[in-house]
Amino acid sequence: MPNRIIMPKTGMAMEEGILVRWLKQAGEPVSKGEAIAVIETDKVTMELESDYDGTLLAIVRRDGDVVPATHTIAWIGAPGEKIPADAETAPAAAAEAAYRERPPAARISGSKIPATPAARAAAAAAGIPLASVAGSGPGGAVRLRDLAPAPSVKATPLARRMAEMSSVDLLRVEGSGAGGRIRKADVVASIEAPAALSGTTGHAPASSGRRPAAGTSIPVSSMRRAIAEKMLRSHQQVPSVTLVTRADVTELAALRAKMNAGGGQKVSYTDFILRAAAAALREHPLINSVIEGDRIQVMREIDIGIAVALEAGLIVPVVRGADALSVRQIAAASRDLAERARSGSLAPDECTGGTFTITNLGMYRITEFTPLINVPESAILGVGSIEEAFRTGPAGSIESRKVMSLCLTHDHRHIDGAPAAAFLGTIRALLEDCWSLVG
């Protein structure tokens, strides 16, 4: 009996996903664990692997389709097997018409670029993106003679295939591989956000310098739509209050410089803050909670998310069991998550299920701000820039100190101002007594 391939549900809140690109075609053999398609959820772009050995009998959803979670997208089975005759076994006429009527921006990609077999083979061998070639054949098909003036680019075979199928001009894609080689993730990023805004917030700047041109219309990606829906829900449903304090991080700056001078894994201020927040959450468990109906669920685990800015939007990978990790272990984990977030290689469960979030805008010289709670969590800590401040020292001397602002937004439905202030005060005290964080 053939096996149904579905759009996976990668999280409780996921309602639909985008089928970015098929990597296998109907009639081709498929092995268990082999990547057969690229899908985009509200959080990540990922390869969908087959759970079965066999032949890809039928593809029932097209590239660029928005597919409800758990709905059928293909069938895998033995060659010649019959597919069950239900509503999802083939692209029905209504679905076909709906696809054709959708605006181009909603499809993510265009049709396969027409080209003669000789031109297609020559372009692949020379590294020439067919999207950059003006075809002289019928219907604009690219002929062999059309390839001569086209420049070449360095790209992986999978990136070339995705670019061709998506009508992406590789000459306009910035490669992140060795020597500027274009990888699959680079093409996916250009599909998701051809003129995306960058650097909205997060762990570190992630802009490649691209800015939207004036007068252009930017399609809303599923990631941006999910961010908008979650932030609107947070703003409308959560009565939140933001408390602001300032921590003297003069000693912390010296400790960080000493640790980084000794070699090994570099540590950032965010790593120390995450370590302090984890310890404070253990001391103030009400902050590490969610509201579930008429009950307050205090979470057993302390899993802290770190907001990371992407060109397509914002993602919050989660450091699991943060209270059991050292500062250097946190540094290693957070760097790995941030790098894979930017390359589009995070697994879905690595950016869901957090119990508290930290977002740092200090690198943008922002001193204070009001972060929105990452629902269903109960609080979020915003970190501002480090500023120079002066205070009176011994015998009336004037001392220069380094001061960092900490902005805690909390859900006032079940966290009053006093416990929120106590929690924030614990973080401040830990940062000021920074040696306790590495002891």
Protein backbone atom coordinates (compact mmCIF):
# COMPACT_ATOMS: atom_id res chain seq x y z
CA MET A 1 0.00 0.00 0.00
CA PRO A 2 1.43 3.42 -0.91
CA ASN A 3 2.50 5.80 1.85
CA ARG A 4 1.15 9.30 2.23
CA ILE A 5 3.66 12.19 2.54
CA ILE A 6 2.24 15.14 4.45
CA MET A 7 3.14 18.72 5.27
CA PRO A 8 4.65 18.13 8.73
CA LYS A 9 3.31 19.95 11.77
CA THR A 10 6.52 21.18 13.39
CA GLY A 11 4.92 22.94 16.35
CA MET A 12 1.64 23.30 18.18
CA ALA A 13 1.02 26.72 16.63
CA MET A 14 1.85 25.72 13.05
CA GLU A 15 -1.21 25.78 10.82
CA GLU A 16 0.38 25.74 7.37
CA GLY A 17 3.67 25.59 5.53
CA ILE A 18 4.99 26.59 2.13
CA LEU A 19 6.26 23.94 -0.26
CA VAL A 20 9.24 25.91 -1.53
CA ARG A 21 10.71 23.37 -3.95
CA TRP A 22 10.54 19.69 -4.82
CA LEU A 23 13.99 18.07 -4.90
CA LYS A 24 12.67 14.81 -6.39
CA GLN A 25 10.29 14.32 -9.29
CA ALA A 26 7.44 11.87 -9.77
CA GLY A 27 8.72 8.48 -10.90
CA GLU A 28 12.13 8.86 -9.24
CA PRO A 29 13.34 6.37 -6.62
CA VAL A 30 13.45 7.61 -3.05
CA SER A 31 15.38 6.28 -0.05
CA LYS A 32 14.36 6.58 3.58
CA GLY A 33 16.02 9.68 5.05
CA GLU A 34 16.61 11.27 1.64
CA ALA A 35 15.62 14.91 1.19
CA ILE A 36 12.67 15.12 -1.20
CA ALA A 37 11.51 18.73 -0.81
CA VAL A 38 12.27 22.08 0.77
CA ILE A 39 9.53 23.47 2.99
CA GLU A 40 9.16 26.73 4.86
CA THR A 41 7.38 27.01 8.20
CA ASP A 42 6.76 30.16 10.18
CA LYS A 43 10.16 29.68 11.83
CA VAL A 44 12.56 27.79 9.58
CA THR A 45 13.26 26.67 6.06
CA MET A 46 14.14 22.99 6.08
CA GLU A 47 14.53 19.91 3.92
CA LEU A 48 11.73 17.37 4.21
CA GLU A 49 13.10 13.84 4.41
CA SER A 50 11.29 10.73 3.30
CA ASP A 51 10.18 8.22 5.92
CA TYR A 52 10.00 5.47 3.33
CA ASP A 53 11.92 3.61 0.63
CA GLY A 54 10.23 3.36 -2.77
CA THR A 55 9.23 5.43 -5.75
CA LEU A 56 7.73 8.90 -5.69
CA LEU A 57 4.42 7.87 -7.23
CA ALA A 58 2.73 11.25 -7.37
CA ILE A 59 3.26 14.87 -6.38
CA VAL A 60 -0.06 16.47 -5.47
CA ARG A 61 1.09 19.92 -4.36
CA ARG A 62 3.06 22.36 -6.47
CA ASP A 63 6.18 24.41 -5.76
CA GLY A 64 5.10 27.54 -3.91
CA ASP A 65 1.82 26.10 -2.61
CA VAL A 66 0.70 27.03 0.90
CA VAL A 67 -0.33 23.68 2.41
CA PRO A 68 -2.24 23.15 5.67
CA ALA A 69 -0.29 21.13 8.22
CA THR A 70 -0.83 17.32 7.93
CA HIS A 71 -2.32 17.60 4.42
CA THR A 72 -1.03 15.28 1.72
CA ILE A 73 1.65 16.58 -0.63
CA ALA A 74 2.83 13.33 -2.30
CA TRP A 75 2.69 9.53 -2.33
CA ILE A 76 5.54 7.03 -2.12
CA GLY A 77 5.22 3.32 -2.84
CA ALA A 78 6.23 0.48 -5.12
CA PRO A 79 6.41 1.21 -8.86
CA GLY A 80 2.97 0.94 -10.43
CA GLU A 81 1.04 0.95 -7.16
CA LYS A 82 -2.38 2.56 -7.26
CA ILE A 83 -3.01 5.66 -5.19
CA PRO A 84 -6.20 5.86 -3.06
CA ALA A 85 -8.87 7.87 -4.82
CA ASP A 86 -9.61 10.53 -2.21
CA ALA A 87 -9.75 14.31 -2.39
CA GLU A 88 -6.03 14.78 -1.84
CA THR A 89 -4.62 12.27 -4.31
CA ALA A 90 -4.28 14.60 -7.28
CA PRO A 91 -4.32 18.32 -8.05
CA ALA A 92 -8.05 18.75 -8.70
CA ALA A 93 -9.34 21.26 -11.20
CA ALA A 94 -10.38 23.67 -8.45
CA ALA A 95 -6.94 23.51 -6.85
CA GLU A 96 -5.32 24.01 -10.23
CA ALA A 97 -7.47 27.07 -10.91
CA ALA A 98 -6.77 28.47 -7.46
CA TYR A 99 -3.05 28.09 -8.02
CA ARG A 100 -3.22 29.88 -11.36
CA GLU A 101 -5.27 32.72 -9.85
CA ARG A 102 -2.90 33.34 -6.95
CA PRO A 103 -0.80 36.52 -7.31
CA PRO A 104 2.81 35.89 -8.37
CA ALA A 105 4.17 37.06 -5.01
CA ALA A 106 2.25 34.28 -3.26
CA ARG A 107 3.80 31.55 -5.38
CA ILE A 108 7.38 32.28 -4.25
CA SER A 109 8.73 31.01 -7.54
CA GLY A 110 7.93 31.13 -11.20
CA SER A 111 7.83 28.43 -13.82
CA LYS A 112 10.81 26.46 -14.96
CA ILE A 113 12.87 28.51 -17.37
CA PRO A 114 12.39 27.22 -20.94
CA ALA A 115 15.61 26.09 -22.62
CA THR A 116 16.82 23.54 -25.14
CA PRO A 117 18.50 20.42 -23.71
CA ALA A 118 21.86 21.49 -25.18
CA ALA A 119 21.57 24.97 -23.66
CA ARG A 120 20.54 23.59 -20.27
CA ALA A 121 23.49 21.20 -20.17
CA ALA A 122 25.97 23.85 -21.34
CA ALA A 123 24.67 26.38 -18.81
CA ALA A 124 25.02 23.88 -15.97
CA ALA A 125 28.56 23.01 -17.01
CA ALA A 126 29.61 26.65 -17.32
CA GLY A 127 27.87 27.83 -14.16
CA ILE A 128 25.56 30.18 -16.07
CA PRO A 129 22.19 30.98 -14.43
CA LEU A 130 19.49 30.54 -17.08
CA ALA A 131 17.49 33.30 -15.38
CA SER A 132 20.19 35.78 -16.47
CA VAL A 133 20.04 34.79 -20.16
CA ALA A 134 17.67 36.34 -22.69
CA GLY A 135 16.34 33.46 -24.76
CA SER A 136 15.89 33.80 -28.52
CA GLY A 137 13.88 30.62 -29.02
CA PRO A 138 10.08 30.12 -29.15
CA GLY A 139 8.42 31.51 -26.03
CA GLY A 140 11.74 32.99 -24.88
CA ALA A 141 13.44 29.59 -24.66
CA VAL A 142 17.19 29.76 -24.14
CA ARG A 143 19.22 28.35 -27.01
CA LEU A 144 22.88 27.31 -26.98
CA ARG A 145 23.92 30.42 -28.90
CA ASP A 146 22.28 32.64 -26.25
CA LEU A 147 24.76 31.57 -23.58
CA ALA A 148 27.92 33.18 -24.95
CA PRO A 149 27.66 36.60 -23.33
CA ALA A 150 26.41 35.39 -19.96
CA PRO A 151 28.81 35.59 -16.99
CA SER A 152 29.47 32.62 -14.72
CA VAL A 153 28.98 32.24 -10.98
CA LYS A 154 30.16 29.76 -8.36
CA ALA A 155 27.32 27.74 -6.86
CA THR A 156 26.57 24.25 -5.59
CA PRO A 157 24.58 21.93 -7.89
CA LEU A 158 21.56 22.06 -5.56
CA ALA A 159 21.70 25.86 -5.46
CA ARG A 160 21.77 25.96 -9.28
CA ARG A 161 18.80 23.63 -9.52
CA MET A 162 16.76 25.64 -7.02
CA ALA A 163 17.70 28.91 -8.70
CA GLU A 164 16.66 27.62 -12.11
CA MET A 165 13.34 26.25 -10.87
CA SER A 166 12.64 29.47 -8.95
CA SER A 167 13.71 31.89 -11.69
CA VAL A 168 16.34 33.30 -9.37
CA ASP A 169 19.24 35.16 -10.98
CA LEU A 170 22.34 33.80 -9.25
CA LEU A 171 24.22 36.94 -10.24
CA ARG A 172 22.07 38.78 -7.71
CA VAL A 173 22.56 36.26 -4.90
CA GLU A 174 25.28 36.76 -2.31
CA GLY A 175 27.11 33.49 -1.63
CA SER A 176 27.92 32.47 1.94
CA GLY A 177 30.12 29.50 1.06
CA ALA A 178 33.88 29.31 0.67
CA GLY A 179 35.14 31.87 -1.82
CA GLY A 180 31.64 33.33 -2.18
CA ARG A 181 30.17 30.08 -3.47
CA ILE A 182 26.37 30.19 -3.51
CA ARG A 183 24.68 27.53 -1.39
CA LYS A 184 21.11 26.28 -1.16
CA ALA A 185 20.42 28.48 1.88
CA ASP A 186 21.44 31.58 -0.10
CA VAL A 187 18.93 30.83 -2.86
CA VAL A 188 16.18 30.07 -0.34
CA ALA A 189 16.92 33.38 1.40
CA SER A 190 16.62 35.27 -1.87
CA ILE A 191 13.28 33.55 -2.57
CA GLU A 192 11.94 34.37 0.89
CA ALA A 193 13.05 37.98 0.99
CA PRO A 194 14.10 39.49 -2.33
CA ALA A 195 14.20 42.93 -0.76
CA ALA A 196 13.78 42.17 2.91
CA LEU A 197 14.26 44.57 5.75
CA SER A 198 17.20 43.65 7.93
CA GLY A 199 18.40 43.95 11.49
CA THR A 200 15.03 44.40 13.26
CA THR A 201 16.31 43.11 16.57
CA GLY A 202 18.28 40.26 18.00
CA HIS A 203 21.46 38.60 19.10
CA ALA A 204 23.72 40.36 16.60
CA PRO A 205 23.45 42.32 13.36
CA ALA A 206 22.73 40.08 10.39
CA SER A 207 22.43 42.52 7.53
CA SER A 208 24.16 41.96 4.22
CA GLY A 209 23.62 45.59 3.24
CA ARG A 210 20.57 45.04 1.01
CA ARG A 211 17.78 47.60 1.42
CA PRO A 212 14.35 47.74 -0.16
CA ALA A 213 14.19 50.11 -3.09
CA ALA A 214 11.78 53.03 -2.81
CA GLY A 215 8.43 52.33 -4.43
CA THR A 216 8.81 48.55 -4.41
CA SER A 217 6.23 46.11 -3.07
CA ILE A 218 7.65 43.49 -0.70
CA PRO A 219 5.73 40.20 -0.41
CA VAL A 220 5.02 39.10 3.15
CA SER A 221 6.82 35.82 3.86
CA SER A 222 5.34 33.20 6.15
CA MET A 223 8.00 34.09 8.74
CA ARG A 224 7.05 37.77 8.69
CA ARG A 225 3.33 36.87 8.80
CA ALA A 226 3.90 34.62 11.81
CA ILE A 227 5.88 37.35 13.57
CA ALA A 228 3.10 39.85 12.90
CA GLU A 229 0.40 37.53 14.21
CA LYS A 230 2.34 36.64 17.37
CA MET A 231 3.24 40.26 18.14
CA LEU A 232 -0.33 41.41 17.57
CA ARG A 233 -1.61 38.69 19.89
CA SER A 234 0.97 39.68 22.50
CA HIS A 235 0.01 43.35 22.24
CA GLN A 236 -3.75 42.77 22.30
CA GLN A 237 -4.11 39.91 24.78
CA VAL A 238 -1.31 40.42 27.31
CA PRO A 239 -1.53 43.35 29.77
CA SER A 240 2.19 43.93 30.01
CA VAL A 241 4.36 46.29 32.01
CA THR A 242 8.03 47.09 31.40
CA LEU A 243 10.42 47.70 34.29
CA VAL A 244 13.83 49.29 33.68
CA THR A 245 16.94 49.15 35.83
CA ARG A 246 20.64 49.75 35.28
CA ALA A 247 23.46 47.41 36.19
CA ASP A 248 27.03 48.45 36.84
CA VAL A 249 28.94 46.11 34.53
CA THR A 250 32.40 47.60 34.99
CA GLU A 251 33.69 44.44 36.65
CA LEU A 252 31.82 42.28 34.15
CA ALA A 253 33.57 44.05 31.27
CA ALA A 254 36.93 43.34 32.88
CA LEU A 255 36.02 39.69 33.52
CA ARG A 256 34.83 39.22 29.95
CA ALA A 257 38.03 40.77 28.55
CA LYS A 258 40.12 38.46 30.76
CA MET A 259 38.21 35.35 29.70
CA ASN A 260 38.42 36.23 26.01
CA ALA A 261 42.13 37.01 26.25
CA GLY A 262 42.80 33.51 27.54
CA GLY A 263 41.75 31.82 24.30
CA GLY A 264 39.04 29.24 23.77
CA GLN A 265 35.37 29.98 23.22
CA LYS A 266 34.73 33.72 23.16
CA VAL A 267 31.98 34.94 25.46
CA SER A 268 29.65 37.90 24.95
CA TYR A 269 27.69 40.07 27.34
CA THR A 270 24.56 38.20 26.22
CA ASP A 271 26.11 34.94 27.41
CA PHE A 272 26.63 36.37 30.90
CA ILE A 273 23.12 37.83 30.89
CA LEU A 274 21.64 34.49 29.88
CA ARG A 275 23.56 32.77 32.68
CA ALA A 276 22.31 35.36 35.18
CA ALA A 277 18.73 35.11 33.90
CA ALA A 278 18.79 31.32 34.20
CA ALA A 279 19.92 31.54 37.83
CA ALA A 280 17.32 34.22 38.56
CA LEU A 281 14.54 32.12 37.00
CA ARG A 282 15.46 29.27 39.34
CA GLU A 283 15.18 31.67 42.28
CA HIS A 284 11.96 33.29 41.01
CA PRO A 285 10.01 30.41 39.38
CA LEU A 286 6.81 32.43 38.83
CA ILE A 287 8.58 34.32 36.03
CA ASN A 288 9.24 30.95 34.35
CA SER A 289 5.53 30.23 33.83
CA VAL A 290 2.66 30.36 31.34
CA ILE A 291 -1.10 30.81 31.71
CA GLU A 292 -3.07 27.77 30.57
CA GLY A 293 -6.78 28.48 30.85
CA ASP A 294 -7.58 29.22 34.49
CA ARG A 295 -4.28 27.83 35.77
CA ILE A 296 -0.72 29.16 36.03
CA GLN A 297 1.72 26.51 34.85
CA VAL A 298 5.17 26.95 36.39
CA MET A 299 7.63 25.32 34.01
CA ARG A 300 10.07 22.72 35.30
CA GLU A 301 12.72 23.37 32.65
CA ILE A 302 14.56 26.64 32.12
CA ASP A 303 14.85 26.98 28.34
CA ILE A 304 15.87 30.47 27.28
CA GLY A 305 15.38 31.85 23.79
CA ILE A 306 17.76 34.38 22.22
CA ALA A 307 16.26 36.67 19.59
CA VAL A 308 18.31 36.56 16.37
CA ALA A 309 17.80 39.04 13.55
CA LEU A 310 17.53 37.61 10.03
CA GLU A 311 17.01 39.43 6.77
CA ALA A 312 13.61 37.74 6.46
CA GLY A 313 12.55 38.61 10.01
CA LEU A 314 13.24 37.36 13.50
CA ILE A 315 13.82 33.92 14.97
CA VAL A 316 14.28 32.81 18.58
CA PRO A 317 16.45 29.68 18.94
CA VAL A 318 16.33 28.15 22.40
CA VAL A 319 19.18 27.22 24.75
CA ARG A 320 17.83 24.17 26.61
CA GLY A 321 18.55 23.61 30.30
CA ALA A 322 20.33 26.95 30.55
CA ASP A 323 20.51 26.84 34.34
CA ALA A 324 22.79 23.78 34.17
CA LEU A 325 25.28 25.35 31.73
CA SER A 326 28.43 27.36 32.39
CA VAL A 327 29.03 30.71 30.70
CA ARG A 328 31.36 29.11 28.15
CA GLN A 329 28.87 26.31 27.45
CA ILE A 330 26.17 28.92 26.94
CA ALA A 331 28.50 30.81 24.60
CA ALA A 332 29.12 27.71 22.50
CA ALA A 333 25.44 26.79 22.37
CA SER A 334 24.22 30.29 21.53
CA ARG A 335 26.83 30.81 18.79
CA ASP A 336 25.95 27.51 17.20
CA LEU A 337 22.23 28.28 17.28
CA ALA A 338 22.70 31.82 15.93
CA GLU A 339 24.92 30.68 13.05
CA ARG A 340 22.54 27.92 12.04
CA ALA A 341 19.59 30.30 12.35
CA ARG A 342 21.21 32.60 9.79
CA SER A 343 22.07 29.72 7.46
CA GLY A 344 18.52 28.34 7.65
CA SER A 345 19.61 25.00 9.11
CA LEU A 346 17.84 25.01 12.48
CA ALA A 347 15.57 22.10 13.30
CA PRO A 348 11.99 23.14 14.18
CA ASP A 349 12.30 21.99 17.80
CA GLU A 350 15.34 24.26 18.27
CA CYS A 351 13.22 27.41 17.99
CA THR A 352 10.09 26.41 19.90
CA GLY A 353 9.23 25.67 23.51
CA GLY A 354 11.18 28.42 25.23
CA THR A 355 10.16 29.54 28.73
CA PHE A 356 11.84 33.00 28.71
CA THR A 357 13.41 35.21 26.04
CA ILE A 358 16.32 37.65 25.89
CA THR A 359 16.63 40.25 23.14
CA ASN A 360 19.71 42.48 22.92
CA LEU A 361 19.72 45.80 21.04
CA GLY A 362 22.84 47.11 22.72
CA MET A 363 24.92 46.76 19.56
CA TYR A 364 22.60 49.32 17.90
CA ARG A 365 23.28 51.93 20.64
CA ILE A 366 19.73 51.57 21.97
CA THR A 367 19.71 52.43 25.66
CA GLU A 368 16.14 51.42 26.61
CA PHE A 369 13.16 49.84 24.83
CA THR A 370 9.93 47.96 25.51
CA PRO A 371 10.17 44.39 24.16
CA LEU A 372 6.94 42.49 23.47
CA ILE A 373 6.46 39.19 25.25
CA ASN A 374 7.08 36.11 23.13
CA VAL A 375 3.73 34.47 23.92
CA PRO A 376 2.90 32.08 25.55
CA GLU A 377 5.87 33.01 27.76
CA SER A 378 5.31 35.38 30.67
CA ALA A 379 8.29 37.73 30.41
CA ILE A 380 11.07 38.95 28.15
CA LEU A 381 14.31 40.74 28.99
CA GLY A 382 15.51 43.55 26.74
CA VAL A 383 19.18 44.50 26.95
CA GLY A 384 20.36 47.98 26.07
CA SER A 385 23.75 49.44 25.29
CA ILE A 386 26.57 49.98 27.78
CA GLU A 387 27.02 53.65 28.58
CA GLU A 388 29.65 55.52 30.55
CA ALA A 389 28.45 56.92 33.87
CA PHE A 390 30.19 58.75 36.68
CA ARG A 391 29.84 58.32 40.42
CA THR A 392 31.47 59.66 43.54
CA GLY A 393 34.22 57.39 44.86
CA PRO A 394 36.35 57.40 48.04
CA ALA A 395 37.39 60.82 49.37
CA GLY A 396 35.12 62.55 46.87
CA SER A 397 36.90 61.22 43.78
CA ILE A 398 34.98 60.84 40.51
CA GLU A 399 34.95 57.37 39.00
CA SER A 400 33.96 56.34 35.48
CA ARG A 401 31.73 53.25 35.41
CA LYS A 402 30.15 51.11 32.69
CA VAL A 403 26.36 50.89 33.04
CA MET A 404 23.97 48.63 31.11
CA SER A 405 20.18 49.06 30.99
CA LEU A 406 17.94 46.02 31.56
CA CYS A 407 14.28 46.20 30.45
CA LEU A 408 11.92 43.49 31.72
CA THR A 409 8.44 43.21 30.18
CA HIS A 410 6.15 40.93 32.20
CA ASP A 411 2.57 39.63 31.99
CA HIS A 412 0.66 41.56 34.65
CA ARG A 413 -2.19 39.04 34.70
CA HIS A 414 -0.25 36.81 37.06
CA ILE A 415 3.06 38.60 37.72
CA ASP A 416 2.74 41.73 39.82
CA GLY A 417 5.25 44.54 39.86
CA ALA A 418 6.97 43.50 43.10
CA PRO A 419 7.95 39.92 42.05
CA ALA A 420 8.97 41.21 38.61
CA ALA A 421 11.14 43.87 40.22
CA ALA A 422 12.68 41.30 42.56
CA PHE A 423 13.54 39.07 39.61
CA LEU A 424 15.10 41.95 37.69
CA GLY A 425 17.01 42.96 40.83
CA THR A 426 18.46 39.45 41.09
CA ILE A 427 19.74 39.65 37.51
CA ARG A 428 21.28 43.04 38.22
CA ALA A 429 22.96 41.77 41.39
CA LEU A 430 24.38 38.73 39.60
CA LEU A 431 25.82 40.85 36.80
CA GLU A 432 27.39 43.25 39.29
CA ASP A 433 28.79 40.33 41.31
CA CYS A 434 29.89 38.69 38.04
CA TRP A 435 32.47 36.33 39.54
CA SER A 436 29.61 34.30 40.98
CA LEU A 437 28.53 33.52 37.41
CA VAL A 438 31.81 31.72 36.65
CA GLY A 439 32.47 30.26 40.07
